């Protein structure tokens, strides 16, 4: 890594925020990443909670679209149970955000000749 000035920057690992990652998959549709907090000696850090992320792919006209979303769960079984509902909710939110961005883009007014100066009115 380098700074904007081009000088090398020392990379530091946050030793208070280490996780061991495990991936569970059905090899068809779903993958669940389980991030277990650990101490620097590799022991499980029971003072922090395990984090789960769901992963899947959506088929789009432009090819597969990978998505990842957090799953609020206490254990793997609960994460598996919550996967479909959480994925659906995440996709609906993602689609709504895309539609809103599209609405905002369509509502922009571009002033003729303003492209050189970068003036765009909303």
Protein backbone atom coordinates (compact mmCIF):
# COMPACT_ATOMS: atom_id res chain seq x y z
CA UNK A 1 0.00 0.00 0.00
CA UNK A 2 1.11 3.54 -0.67
CA UNK A 3 -0.03 6.95 0.47
CA UNK A 4 -1.29 9.56 -2.05
CA UNK A 5 2.26 10.95 -2.03
CA UNK A 6 3.57 7.56 -3.22
CA UNK A 7 5.45 6.65 -0.05
CA UNK A 8 5.05 3.11 1.29
CA UNK A 9 2.58 2.72 4.14
CA UNK A 10 3.03 0.11 6.85
CA UNK A 11 0.14 -2.37 6.89
CA UNK A 12 -1.12 -3.27 10.35
CA UNK A 13 -3.43 -6.11 11.28
CA UNK A 14 -6.02 -5.25 13.91
CA UNK A 15 -5.20 -7.95 16.45
CA UNK A 16 -8.35 -7.14 18.44
CA UNK A 17 -10.61 -7.95 15.46
CA UNK A 18 -9.45 -11.37 14.24
CA UNK A 19 -11.88 -13.97 12.90
CA UNK A 20 -11.58 -17.56 11.70
CA UNK A 21 -13.66 -18.09 8.57
CA UNK A 22 -15.53 -21.27 7.68
CA UNK A 23 -17.78 -21.73 4.65
CA UNK A 24 -20.74 -24.10 4.55
CA UNK A 25 -22.41 -24.75 1.20
CA UNK A 26 -25.04 -26.95 -0.40
CA UNK A 27 -22.99 -26.78 -3.66
CA UNK A 28 -26.12 -25.62 -5.53
CA UNK A 29 -27.54 -22.36 -4.36
CA UNK A 30 -26.31 -21.25 -0.97
CA UNK A 31 -23.13 -20.61 0.94
CA UNK A 32 -22.95 -19.40 4.52
CA UNK A 33 -19.77 -17.84 5.84
CA UNK A 34 -19.28 -18.23 9.57
CA UNK A 35 -16.79 -15.79 11.09
CA UNK A 36 -15.75 -16.94 14.56
CA UNK A 37 -13.91 -14.35 16.68
CA UNK A 38 -10.48 -15.51 17.82
CA UNK A 39 -7.65 -14.24 19.96
CA UNK A 40 -4.12 -13.85 18.58
CA UNK A 41 -3.25 -17.34 19.87
CA UNK A 42 -6.10 -18.84 17.80
CA UNK A 43 -8.41 -19.56 20.73
CA UNK A 44 -12.09 -18.66 20.30
CA UNK A 45 -12.83 -15.22 21.78
CA UNK A 46 -16.07 -15.84 23.67
CA UNK A 47 -16.46 -12.13 24.50
CA UNK A 48 -17.49 -11.45 20.87
CA UNK A 49 -20.27 -13.02 18.84
CA UNK A 50 -20.03 -15.20 15.74
CA UNK A 51 -21.00 -13.41 12.51
CA UNK A 52 -22.81 -15.07 9.58
CA UNK A 53 -23.04 -13.97 5.95
CA UNK A 54 -25.15 -15.55 3.24
CA UNK A 55 -23.82 -15.77 -0.30
CA UNK A 56 -25.54 -16.72 -3.54
CA UNK A 57 -25.75 -15.69 -7.19
CA UNK A 58 -28.64 -14.17 -9.11
CA UNK A 59 -28.99 -14.84 -12.81
CA UNK A 60 -29.23 -11.60 -14.78
CA UNK A 61 -29.26 -10.81 -18.50
CA UNK A 62 -25.59 -9.83 -18.09
CA UNK A 63 -24.58 -13.06 -16.34
CA UNK A 64 -24.40 -14.20 -12.73
CA UNK A 65 -24.55 -11.49 -10.09
CA UNK A 66 -22.97 -12.48 -6.76
CA UNK A 67 -24.67 -11.15 -3.65
CA UNK A 68 -23.67 -11.27 0.00
CA UNK A 69 -25.79 -10.32 2.99
CA UNK A 70 -25.50 -10.48 6.78
CA UNK A 71 -27.64 -13.02 8.62
CA UNK A 72 -28.56 -12.32 12.23
CA UNK A 73 -28.20 -15.74 13.86
CA UNK A 74 -26.83 -17.33 17.01
CA UNK A 75 -25.61 -20.54 15.34
CA UNK A 76 -25.26 -22.26 11.98
CA UNK A 77 -28.64 -24.00 12.19
CA UNK A 78 -30.40 -20.69 12.75
CA UNK A 79 -28.42 -19.10 9.89
CA UNK A 80 -29.53 -21.92 7.57
CA UNK A 81 -33.16 -21.44 8.62
CA UNK A 82 -33.00 -17.66 8.14
CA UNK A 83 -31.09 -17.78 4.82
CA UNK A 84 -34.11 -17.79 2.41
CA UNK A 85 -36.04 -15.01 4.16
CA UNK A 86 -32.95 -12.83 4.68
CA UNK A 87 -31.89 -13.30 1.05
CA UNK A 88 -35.37 -12.34 -0.19
CA UNK A 89 -35.44 -9.24 2.02
CA UNK A 90 -31.95 -8.22 0.91
CA UNK A 91 -32.84 -8.68 -2.79
CA UNK A 92 -36.02 -6.60 -2.41
CA UNK A 93 -34.04 -3.81 -0.74
CA UNK A 94 -31.35 -4.01 -3.44
CA UNK A 95 -33.96 -3.84 -6.23
CA UNK A 96 -35.71 -0.89 -4.57
CA UNK A 97 -32.39 0.97 -4.24
CA UNK A 98 -31.62 0.30 -7.92
CA UNK A 99 -35.07 1.60 -8.94
CA UNK A 100 -34.56 4.73 -6.83
CA UNK A 101 -31.17 5.35 -8.43
CA UNK A 102 -32.77 4.90 -11.86
CA UNK A 103 -35.56 7.38 -10.93
CA UNK A 104 -32.99 9.91 -9.76
CA UNK A 105 -30.96 9.48 -12.95
CA UNK A 106 -34.05 9.93 -15.14
CA UNK A 107 -35.12 13.06 -13.25
CA UNK A 108 -31.85 14.88 -13.89
CA UNK A 109 -32.12 17.88 -16.18
CA UNK A 110 -29.13 18.40 -18.41
CA UNK A 111 -28.72 21.95 -19.63
CA UNK A 112 -27.66 22.14 -23.32
CA UNK A 113 -24.04 23.23 -23.62
CA UNK A 114 -23.49 22.69 -19.90
CA UNK A 115 -21.62 19.41 -20.36
CA UNK A 116 -18.36 21.30 -20.79
CA UNK A 117 -18.81 23.06 -17.46
CA UNK A 118 -20.31 20.07 -15.72
CA UNK A 119 -23.54 21.88 -14.73
CA UNK A 120 -26.43 19.54 -14.16
CA UNK A 121 -29.71 20.61 -12.56
CA UNK A 122 -32.02 18.45 -10.53
